[in-house]
């Protein structure tokens, strides 16, 4: 098992964790480093880099280097395309958008990047990515048929398929900037059938959002928009406080 996967597994043994998503296209490398350092102080367990379309390899590399110089946390690429790959990060989510209509998003992009990832020694972490309505920009770009918010059975089916295919993680994504997170009913249903860790992201803006998702069984919460909107402010602090509280039980 790779070093970052082992780190995440060890952290999850003690309860839920939080990851901070930083978009290199919306933050300068220096600003990304400041957000990462503040998030680390509050207890975030990893820094994810990605979000926008068309992030250049140079910008991803500069941001990864700045973040790694600022924090000891793993830096994980959250890729939009093979162009997101850089050896400056620690790992990459090797992710398949399971409910995409595009074969490119399900497997062809992954195939195009596989040899390059191996060549530069970047640790791949396989991830089943499932877009839940409204899906926002990622749903549009990914040509997804979002899981309806009232269809937990469909979400269960995609998630269990990811586990049966041997993936390390499942990620339920409402979309960056979503007005509301993934419904707790969907999170709870997926957690009931899943044996691998469950990540939930998109639309998480408050401690109350975090409480509902953690109560439903989310094991990893990802926030990005909240830091873009207010930096490491009260909302982010409240979300991380709720995660820390669960780890202290």
C-alpha atoms as a PDB file:
ATOM      1  CA  UNK A   1       0.000   0.000   0.000  1.00  0.00           C
ATOM      2  CA  UNK A   2       1.234   3.490  -0.845  1.00  0.00           C
ATOM      3  CA  UNK A   3       2.343   5.931   1.809  1.00  0.00           C
ATOM      4  CA  UNK A   4      -0.595   8.360   1.456  1.00  0.00           C
ATOM      5  CA  UNK A   5      -3.186   5.590   1.386  1.00  0.00           C
ATOM      6  CA  UNK A   6      -1.678   4.128   4.548  1.00  0.00           C
ATOM      7  CA  UNK A   7      -1.700   7.567   6.187  1.00  0.00           C
ATOM      8  CA  UNK A   8      -5.385   8.059   5.347  1.00  0.00           C
ATOM      9  CA  UNK A   9      -6.271   4.595   6.580  1.00  0.00           C
ATOM     10  CA  UNK A  10      -4.464   5.256   9.866  1.00  0.00           C
ATOM     11  CA  UNK A  11      -6.221   8.598  10.331  1.00  0.00           C
ATOM     12  CA  UNK A  12      -9.633   7.065   9.635  1.00  0.00           C
ATOM     13  CA  UNK A  13      -9.151   4.464  12.369  1.00  0.00           C
ATOM     14  CA  UNK A  14      -9.640   7.270  14.898  1.00  0.00           C
ATOM     15  CA  UNK A  15     -12.775   8.730  13.327  1.00  0.00           C
ATOM     16  CA  UNK A  16     -13.798  11.037  10.477  1.00  0.00           C
ATOM     17  CA  UNK A  17     -11.346  13.400   8.832  1.00  0.00           C
ATOM     18  CA  UNK A  18     -11.411  16.608   6.815  1.00  0.00           C
ATOM     19  CA  UNK A  19      -9.612  17.551   3.615  1.00  0.00           C
ATOM     20  CA  UNK A  20      -9.162  21.075   2.286  1.00  0.00           C
ATOM     21  CA  UNK A  21      -9.647  21.589  -1.451  1.00  0.00           C
ATOM     22  CA  UNK A  22      -7.675  24.424  -3.024  1.00  0.00           C
ATOM     23  CA  UNK A  23      -8.169  25.474  -6.641  1.00  0.00           C
ATOM     24  CA  UNK A  24      -4.787  26.498  -8.141  1.00  0.00           C
ATOM     25  CA  UNK A  25      -6.631  28.511 -10.779  1.00  0.00           C
ATOM     26  CA  UNK A  26      -8.350  30.666  -8.142  1.00  0.00           C
ATOM     27  CA  UNK A  27      -5.487  31.092  -5.664  1.00  0.00           C
ATOM     28  CA  UNK A  28      -1.915  32.189  -6.144  1.00  0.00           C
ATOM     29  CA  UNK A  29       0.663  29.686  -4.859  1.00  0.00           C
ATOM     30  CA  UNK A  30       1.363  31.958  -1.870  1.00  0.00           C
ATOM     31  CA  UNK A  31      -2.334  32.261  -1.036  1.00  0.00           C
ATOM     32  CA  UNK A  32      -2.766  28.488  -1.369  1.00  0.00           C
ATOM     33  CA  UNK A  33       0.111  27.960   1.042  1.00  0.00           C
ATOM     34  CA  UNK A  34      -1.481  30.316   3.582  1.00  0.00           C
ATOM     35  CA  UNK A  35      -4.848  28.530   3.376  1.00  0.00           C
ATOM     36  CA  UNK A  36      -3.149  25.144   3.706  1.00  0.00           C
ATOM     37  CA  UNK A  37      -1.175  26.252   6.768  1.00  0.00           C
ATOM     38  CA  UNK A  38      -4.270  27.656   8.479  1.00  0.00           C
ATOM     39  CA  UNK A  39      -6.295  24.525   7.642  1.00  0.00           C
ATOM     40  CA  UNK A  40      -3.558  22.301   9.024  1.00  0.00           C
ATOM     41  CA  UNK A  41      -3.584  24.229  12.300  1.00  0.00           C
ATOM     42  CA  UNK A  42      -7.331  23.618  12.587  1.00  0.00           C
ATOM     43  CA  UNK A  43      -6.891  19.874  12.047  1.00  0.00           C
ATOM     44  CA  UNK A  44      -7.420  19.247   8.329  1.00  0.00           C
ATOM     45  CA  UNK A  45      -5.774  15.948   7.374  1.00  0.00           C
ATOM     46  CA  UNK A  46      -4.813  16.529   3.730  1.00  0.00           C
ATOM     47  CA  UNK A  47      -4.707  19.177   1.016  1.00  0.00           C
ATOM     48  CA  UNK A  48      -6.408  18.487  -2.303  1.00  0.00           C
ATOM     49  CA  UNK A  49      -5.429  20.509  -5.373  1.00  0.00           C
ATOM     50  CA  UNK A  50      -7.877  20.891  -8.260  1.00  0.00           C
ATOM     51  CA  UNK A  51     -11.312  22.135  -9.142  1.00  0.00           C
ATOM     52  CA  UNK A  52     -11.166  24.250 -12.278  1.00  0.00           C
ATOM     53  CA  UNK A  53     -10.907  23.156 -15.869  1.00  0.00           C
ATOM     54  CA  UNK A  54      -7.756  23.898 -17.800  1.00  0.00           C
ATOM     55  CA  UNK A  55      -5.301  24.186 -14.892  1.00  0.00           C
ATOM     56  CA  UNK A  56      -1.859  24.250 -16.463  1.00  0.00           C
ATOM     57  CA  UNK A  57       0.809  21.776 -15.338  1.00  0.00           C
ATOM     58  CA  UNK A  58       3.039  24.732 -14.432  1.00  0.00           C
ATOM     59  CA  UNK A  59       0.411  26.293 -12.157  1.00  0.00           C
ATOM     60  CA  UNK A  60      -0.355  22.942 -10.516  1.00  0.00           C
ATOM     61  CA  UNK A  61       3.362  22.365  -9.929  1.00  0.00           C
ATOM     62  CA  UNK A  62       3.945  25.830  -8.457  1.00  0.00           C
ATOM     63  CA  UNK A  63       0.962  25.460  -6.132  1.00  0.00           C
ATOM     64  CA  UNK A  64       1.920  21.948  -5.002  1.00  0.00           C
ATOM     65  CA  UNK A  65       5.453  23.083  -4.200  1.00  0.00           C
ATOM     66  CA  UNK A  66       4.211  26.098  -2.236  1.00  0.00           C
ATOM     67  CA  UNK A  67       1.744  24.006  -0.236  1.00  0.00           C
ATOM     68  CA  UNK A  68       4.301  21.297   0.513  1.00  0.00           C
ATOM     69  CA  UNK A  69       6.747  23.936   1.721  1.00  0.00           C
ATOM     70  CA  UNK A  70       4.090  25.270   4.102  1.00  0.00           C
ATOM     71  CA  UNK A  71       2.637  22.067   5.592  1.00  0.00           C
ATOM     72  CA  UNK A  72       3.560  18.481   6.352  1.00  0.00           C
ATOM     73  CA  UNK A  73       0.166  17.175   5.235  1.00  0.00           C
ATOM     74  CA  UNK A  74      -0.149  15.000   2.112  1.00  0.00           C
ATOM     75  CA  UNK A  75      -0.865  16.948  -1.062  1.00  0.00           C
ATOM     76  CA  UNK A  76      -3.272  15.056  -3.333  1.00  0.00           C
ATOM     77  CA  UNK A  77      -4.151  16.036  -6.889  1.00  0.00           C
ATOM     78  CA  UNK A  78      -7.904  16.145  -7.581  1.00  0.00           C
ATOM     79  CA  UNK A  79      -7.549  15.913 -11.363  1.00  0.00           C
ATOM     80  CA  UNK A  80      -9.653  17.548 -14.028  1.00  0.00           C
ATOM     81  CA  UNK A  81      -7.628  15.961 -16.843  1.00  0.00           C
ATOM     82  CA  UNK A  82      -4.213  14.366 -17.484  1.00  0.00           C
ATOM     83  CA  UNK A  83      -2.821  17.915 -17.641  1.00  0.00           C
ATOM     84  CA  UNK A  84      -3.299  18.131 -13.857  1.00  0.00           C
ATOM     85  CA  UNK A  85      -0.507  15.627 -13.225  1.00  0.00           C
ATOM     86  CA  UNK A  86       2.687  16.869 -11.551  1.00  0.00           C
ATOM     87  CA  UNK A  87       5.459  15.079  -9.645  1.00  0.00           C
ATOM     88  CA  UNK A  88       5.431  17.934  -7.113  1.00  0.00           C
ATOM     89  CA  UNK A  89       2.404  16.416  -5.335  1.00  0.00           C
ATOM     90  CA  UNK A  90       2.400  13.315  -3.125  1.00  0.00           C
ATOM     91  CA  UNK A  91      -0.501  11.427  -4.692  1.00  0.00           C
ATOM     92  CA  UNK A  92      -3.340  11.655  -7.185  1.00  0.00           C
ATOM     93  CA  UNK A  93      -6.922  10.503  -6.991  1.00  0.00           C
ATOM     94  CA  UNK A  94      -7.074   8.041  -9.872  1.00  0.00           C
ATOM     95  CA  UNK A  95     -10.757   8.647 -10.306  1.00  0.00           C
ATOM     96  CA  UNK A  96     -13.501   7.397 -12.575  1.00  0.00           C
ATOM     97  CA  UNK A  97     -16.644   9.526 -12.898  1.00  0.00           C
ATOM     98  CA  UNK A  98     -18.952   6.548 -12.693  1.00  0.00           C
ATOM     99  CA  UNK A  99     -22.173   8.237 -13.777  1.00  0.00           C
ATOM    100  CA  UNK A 100     -20.701  10.080 -16.747  1.00  0.00           C
ATOM    101  CA  UNK A 101     -22.084   9.537 -20.227  1.00  0.00           C
ATOM    102  CA  UNK A 102     -18.545  10.010 -21.571  1.00  0.00           C
ATOM    103  CA  UNK A 103     -16.240   7.017 -21.850  1.00  0.00           C
ATOM    104  CA  UNK A 104     -13.384   9.522 -21.615  1.00  0.00           C
ATOM    105  CA  UNK A 105     -14.408  10.421 -18.053  1.00  0.00           C
ATOM    106  CA  UNK A 106     -14.981   6.820 -17.051  1.00  0.00           C
ATOM    107  CA  UNK A 107     -11.694   5.295 -18.327  1.00  0.00           C
ATOM    108  CA  UNK A 108      -9.995   6.861 -21.386  1.00  0.00           C
ATOM    109  CA  UNK A 109      -8.466   9.862 -19.591  1.00  0.00           C
ATOM    110  CA  UNK A 110      -7.196   7.509 -16.905  1.00  0.00           C
ATOM    111  CA  UNK A 111      -5.596   5.287 -19.538  1.00  0.00           C
ATOM    112  CA  UNK A 112      -3.902   8.284 -21.152  1.00  0.00           C
ATOM    113  CA  UNK A 113      -2.326   9.307 -17.855  1.00  0.00           C
ATOM    114  CA  UNK A 114      -1.388   5.874 -16.457  1.00  0.00           C
ATOM    115  CA  UNK A 115       2.109   5.515 -17.889  1.00  0.00           C
ATOM    116  CA  UNK A 116       2.997   9.101 -17.026  1.00  0.00           C
ATOM    117  CA  UNK A 117       1.896   8.641 -13.427  1.00  0.00           C
ATOM    118  CA  UNK A 118       3.999   5.500 -13.182  1.00  0.00           C
ATOM    119  CA  UNK A 119       7.003   7.212 -14.763  1.00  0.00           C
ATOM    120  CA  UNK A 120       7.073  10.135 -12.315  1.00  0.00           C
ATOM    121  CA  UNK A 121       6.364   7.970  -9.264  1.00  0.00           C
ATOM    122  CA  UNK A 122       3.124   9.689  -8.238  1.00  0.00           C
ATOM    123  CA  UNK A 123       1.040   7.538  -5.885  1.00  0.00           C
ATOM    124  CA  UNK A 124      -2.371   6.678  -7.395  1.00  0.00           C
ATOM    125  CA  UNK A 125      -5.374   6.305  -5.083  1.00  0.00           C
ATOM    126  CA  UNK A 126      -8.324   4.770  -6.934  1.00  0.00           C
ATOM    127  CA  UNK A 127     -11.612   6.556  -6.406  1.00  0.00           C
ATOM    128  CA  UNK A 128     -15.172   6.054  -7.594  1.00  0.00           C
ATOM    129  CA  UNK A 129     -16.551   9.553  -8.219  1.00  0.00           C
ATOM    130  CA  UNK A 130     -20.335   9.923  -8.171  1.00  0.00           C
ATOM    131  CA  UNK A 131     -22.026  13.227  -8.994  1.00  0.00           C
ATOM    132  CA  UNK A 132     -25.247  13.936  -7.097  1.00  0.00           C
ATOM    133  CA  UNK A 133     -27.730  16.631  -8.169  1.00  0.00           C
ATOM    134  CA  UNK A 134     -27.367  19.506  -8.715  1.00  0.00           C
ATOM    135  CA  UNK A 135     -23.849  18.567  -9.850  1.00  0.00           C
ATOM    136  CA  UNK A 136     -22.974  22.149 -10.769  1.00  0.00           C
ATOM    137  CA  UNK A 137     -20.047  22.729 -13.142  1.00  0.00           C
ATOM    138  CA  UNK A 138     -18.440  19.326 -12.551  1.00  0.00           C
ATOM    139  CA  UNK A 139     -21.640  17.647 -13.671  1.00  0.00           C
ATOM    140  CA  UNK A 140     -21.697  19.696 -16.868  1.00  0.00           C
ATOM    141  CA  UNK A 141     -18.026  19.248 -17.727  1.00  0.00           C
ATOM    142  CA  UNK A 142     -18.102  15.600 -16.738  1.00  0.00           C
ATOM    143  CA  UNK A 143     -21.215  14.945 -18.860  1.00  0.00           C
ATOM    144  CA  UNK A 144     -22.783  13.306 -15.820  1.00  0.00           C
ATOM    145  CA  UNK A 145     -26.291  12.065 -15.278  1.00  0.00           C
ATOM    146  CA  UNK A 146     -26.438  13.247 -11.657  1.00  0.00           C
ATOM    147  CA  UNK A 147     -27.966  10.944  -9.078  1.00  0.00           C
ATOM    148  CA  UNK A 148     -31.343  12.508  -8.160  1.00  0.00           C
ATOM    149  CA  UNK A 149     -31.467  13.748  -4.587  1.00  0.00           C
ATOM    150  CA  UNK A 150     -34.404  11.459  -3.849  1.00  0.00           C
ATOM    151  CA  UNK A 151     -32.843   8.260  -5.251  1.00  0.00           C
ATOM    152  CA  UNK A 152     -30.574   6.709  -2.583  1.00  0.00           C
ATOM    153  CA  UNK A 153     -30.849   3.290  -4.246  1.00  0.00           C
ATOM    154  CA  UNK A 154     -29.124   4.543  -7.384  1.00  0.00           C
ATOM    155  CA  UNK A 155     -26.350   6.072  -5.276  1.00  0.00           C
ATOM    156  CA  UNK A 156     -25.945   2.765  -3.433  1.00  0.00           C
ATOM    157  CA  UNK A 157     -25.659   0.912  -6.737  1.00  0.00           C
ATOM    158  CA  UNK A 158     -22.898   3.145  -8.082  1.00  0.00           C
ATOM    159  CA  UNK A 159     -21.003   3.096  -4.783  1.00  0.00           C
ATOM    160  CA  UNK A 160     -21.146  -0.659  -4.395  1.00  0.00           C
ATOM    161  CA  UNK A 161     -20.040  -1.088  -8.012  1.00  0.00           C
ATOM    162  CA  UNK A 162     -16.972   1.026  -7.187  1.00  0.00           C
ATOM    163  CA  UNK A 163     -16.154  -1.221  -4.234  1.00  0.00           C
ATOM    164  CA  UNK A 164     -16.669  -4.380  -6.287  1.00  0.00           C
ATOM    165  CA  UNK A 165     -14.314  -2.971  -8.939  1.00  0.00           C
ATOM    166  CA  UNK A 166     -11.629  -2.726  -6.249  1.00  0.00           C
ATOM    167  CA  UNK A 167     -11.518   1.043  -5.747  1.00  0.00           C
ATOM    168  CA  UNK A 168      -9.984   2.474  -2.565  1.00  0.00           C
ATOM    169  CA  UNK A 169     -12.550   5.226  -1.955  1.00  0.00           C
ATOM    170  CA  UNK A 170     -15.987   6.472  -2.973  1.00  0.00           C
ATOM    171  CA  UNK A 171     -16.683  10.193  -3.350  1.00  0.00           C
ATOM    172  CA  UNK A 172     -20.220  11.643  -3.384  1.00  0.00           C
ATOM    173  CA  UNK A 173     -20.054  15.084  -5.005  1.00  0.00           C
ATOM    174  CA  UNK A 174     -22.842  17.681  -5.051  1.00  0.00           C
ATOM    175  CA  UNK A 175     -20.606  20.068  -6.997  1.00  0.00           C
ATOM    176  CA  UNK A 176     -18.487  23.049  -6.048  1.00  0.00           C
ATOM    177  CA  UNK A 177     -20.739  25.912  -4.991  1.00  0.00           C
ATOM    178  CA  UNK A 178     -23.817  23.700  -4.654  1.00  0.00           C
ATOM    179  CA  UNK A 179     -26.573  25.415  -2.649  1.00  0.00           C
ATOM    180  CA  UNK A 180     -26.862  22.341  -0.400  1.00  0.00           C
ATOM    181  CA  UNK A 181     -24.659  19.324   0.323  1.00  0.00           C
ATOM    182  CA  UNK A 182     -25.431  15.749  -0.696  1.00  0.00           C
ATOM    183  CA  UNK A 183     -28.627  14.758   1.187  1.00  0.00           C
ATOM    184  CA  UNK A 184     -28.070  12.887   4.435  1.00  0.00           C
ATOM    185  CA  UNK A 185     -30.492  10.213   3.200  1.00  0.00           C
ATOM    186  CA  UNK A 186     -28.148   9.386   0.315  1.00  0.00           C
ATOM    187  CA  UNK A 187     -25.052   9.438   2.518  1.00  0.00           C
ATOM    188  CA  UNK A 188     -26.706   7.111   5.043  1.00  0.00           C
ATOM    189  CA  UNK A 189     -27.881   4.699   2.360  1.00  0.00           C
ATOM    190  CA  UNK A 190     -24.443   4.504   0.751  1.00  0.00           C
ATOM    191  CA  UNK A 191     -22.698   4.032   4.074  1.00  0.00           C
ATOM    192  CA  UNK A 192     -25.006   1.093   4.846  1.00  0.00           C
ATOM    193  CA  UNK A 193     -23.742  -0.924   1.857  1.00  0.00           C
ATOM    194  CA  UNK A 194     -20.135   0.277   1.627  1.00  0.00           C
ATOM    195  CA  UNK A 195     -17.033  -1.220   3.266  1.00  0.00           C
ATOM    196  CA  UNK A 196     -14.499   1.261   1.860  1.00  0.00           C
ATOM    197  CA  UNK A 197     -14.199   4.887   3.065  1.00  0.00           C
ATOM    198  CA  UNK A 198     -16.849   7.386   1.969  1.00  0.00           C
ATOM    199  CA  UNK A 199     -15.918  10.967   1.017  1.00  0.00           C
ATOM    200  CA  UNK A 200     -18.575  13.689   0.729  1.00  0.00           C
ATOM    201  CA  UNK A 201     -18.023  17.109  -0.825  1.00  0.00           C
ATOM    202  CA  UNK A 202     -19.826  20.052  -2.375  1.00  0.00           C
ATOM    203  CA  UNK A 203     -22.047  22.613  -0.663  1.00  0.00           C
ATOM    204  CA  UNK A 204     -20.697  22.076   2.868  1.00  0.00           C
ATOM    205  CA  UNK A 205     -20.692  25.558   4.367  1.00  0.00           C
ATOM    206  CA  UNK A 206     -21.410  25.217   8.105  1.00  0.00           C
ATOM    207  CA  UNK A 207     -20.976  23.105  11.217  1.00  0.00           C
ATOM    208  CA  UNK A 208     -24.640  22.139  10.878  1.00  0.00           C
ATOM    209  CA  UNK A 209     -23.966  20.751   7.394  1.00  0.00           C
ATOM    210  CA  UNK A 210     -20.994  18.822   8.761  1.00  0.00           C
ATOM    211  CA  UNK A 211     -23.048  17.450  11.666  1.00  0.00           C
ATOM    212  CA  UNK A 212     -25.782  16.125   9.366  1.00  0.00           C
ATOM    213  CA  UNK A 213     -23.313  14.428   7.022  1.00  0.00           C
ATOM    214  CA  UNK A 214     -21.188  12.926   9.789  1.00  0.00           C
ATOM    215  CA  UNK A 215     -24.303  11.661  11.577  1.00  0.00           C
ATOM    216  CA  UNK A 216     -25.297   9.988   8.298  1.00  0.00           C
ATOM    217  CA  UNK A 217     -21.967   8.187   8.039  1.00  0.00           C
ATOM    218  CA  UNK A 218     -19.606  10.376   5.991  1.00  0.00           C
ATOM    219  CA  UNK A 219     -16.012   9.512   6.886  1.00  0.00           C
ATOM    220  CA  UNK A 220     -14.238  12.281   4.977  1.00  0.00           C
ATOM    221  CA  UNK A 221     -15.584  15.807   4.458  1.00  0.00           C
ATOM    222  CA  UNK A 222     -14.112  17.996   1.727  1.00  0.00           C
ATOM    223  CA  UNK A 223     -14.581  21.761   1.671  1.00  0.00           C
ATOM    224  CA  UNK A 224     -13.336  24.224  -0.913  1.00  0.00           C
ATOM    225  CA  UNK A 225     -15.899  26.911  -1.724  1.00  0.00           C
ATOM    226  CA  UNK A 226     -16.169  28.031   1.902  1.00  0.00           C
ATOM    227  CA  UNK A 227     -12.479  28.954   1.997  1.00  0.00           C
ATOM    228  CA  UNK A 228     -12.717  30.676  -1.389  1.00  0.00           C
ATOM    229  CA  UNK A 229     -15.610  32.774  -0.090  1.00  0.00           C
ATOM    230  CA  UNK A 230     -14.306  33.704   3.370  1.00  0.00           C
ATOM    231  CA  UNK A 231     -10.834  32.165   3.796  1.00  0.00           C
ATOM    232  CA  UNK A 232     -10.239  30.274   7.024  1.00  0.00           C
ATOM    233  CA  UNK A 233     -13.075  31.977   8.856  1.00  0.00           C
ATOM    234  CA  UNK A 234     -15.774  30.980  11.348  1.00  0.00           C
ATOM    235  CA  UNK A 235     -17.566  28.613   8.971  1.00  0.00           C
ATOM    236  CA  UNK A 236     -14.431  26.604   8.185  1.00  0.00           C
ATOM    237  CA  UNK A 237     -13.443  26.591  11.854  1.00  0.00           C
ATOM    238  CA  UNK A 238     -16.897  25.301  12.824  1.00  0.00           C
ATOM    239  CA  UNK A 239     -16.750  22.482  10.276  1.00  0.00           C
ATOM    240  CA  UNK A 240     -13.341  21.372  11.489  1.00  0.00           C
ATOM    241  CA  UNK A 241     -14.393  21.657  15.123  1.00  0.00           C
ATOM    242  CA  UNK A 242     -17.229  19.210  14.439  1.00  0.00           C
ATOM    243  CA  UNK A 243     -14.806  16.762  12.797  1.00  0.00           C
ATOM    244  CA  UNK A 244     -12.349  17.070  15.710  1.00  0.00           C
ATOM    245  CA  UNK A 245     -15.168  16.501  18.193  1.00  0.00           C
ATOM    246  CA  UNK A 246     -16.071  13.213  16.526  1.00  0.00           C
ATOM    247  CA  UNK A 247     -12.451  12.113  16.614  1.00  0.00           C
ATOM    248  CA  UNK A 248     -12.325  12.870  20.344  1.00  0.00           C
ATOM    249  CA  UNK A 249     -15.178  10.539  21.238  1.00  0.00           C
END
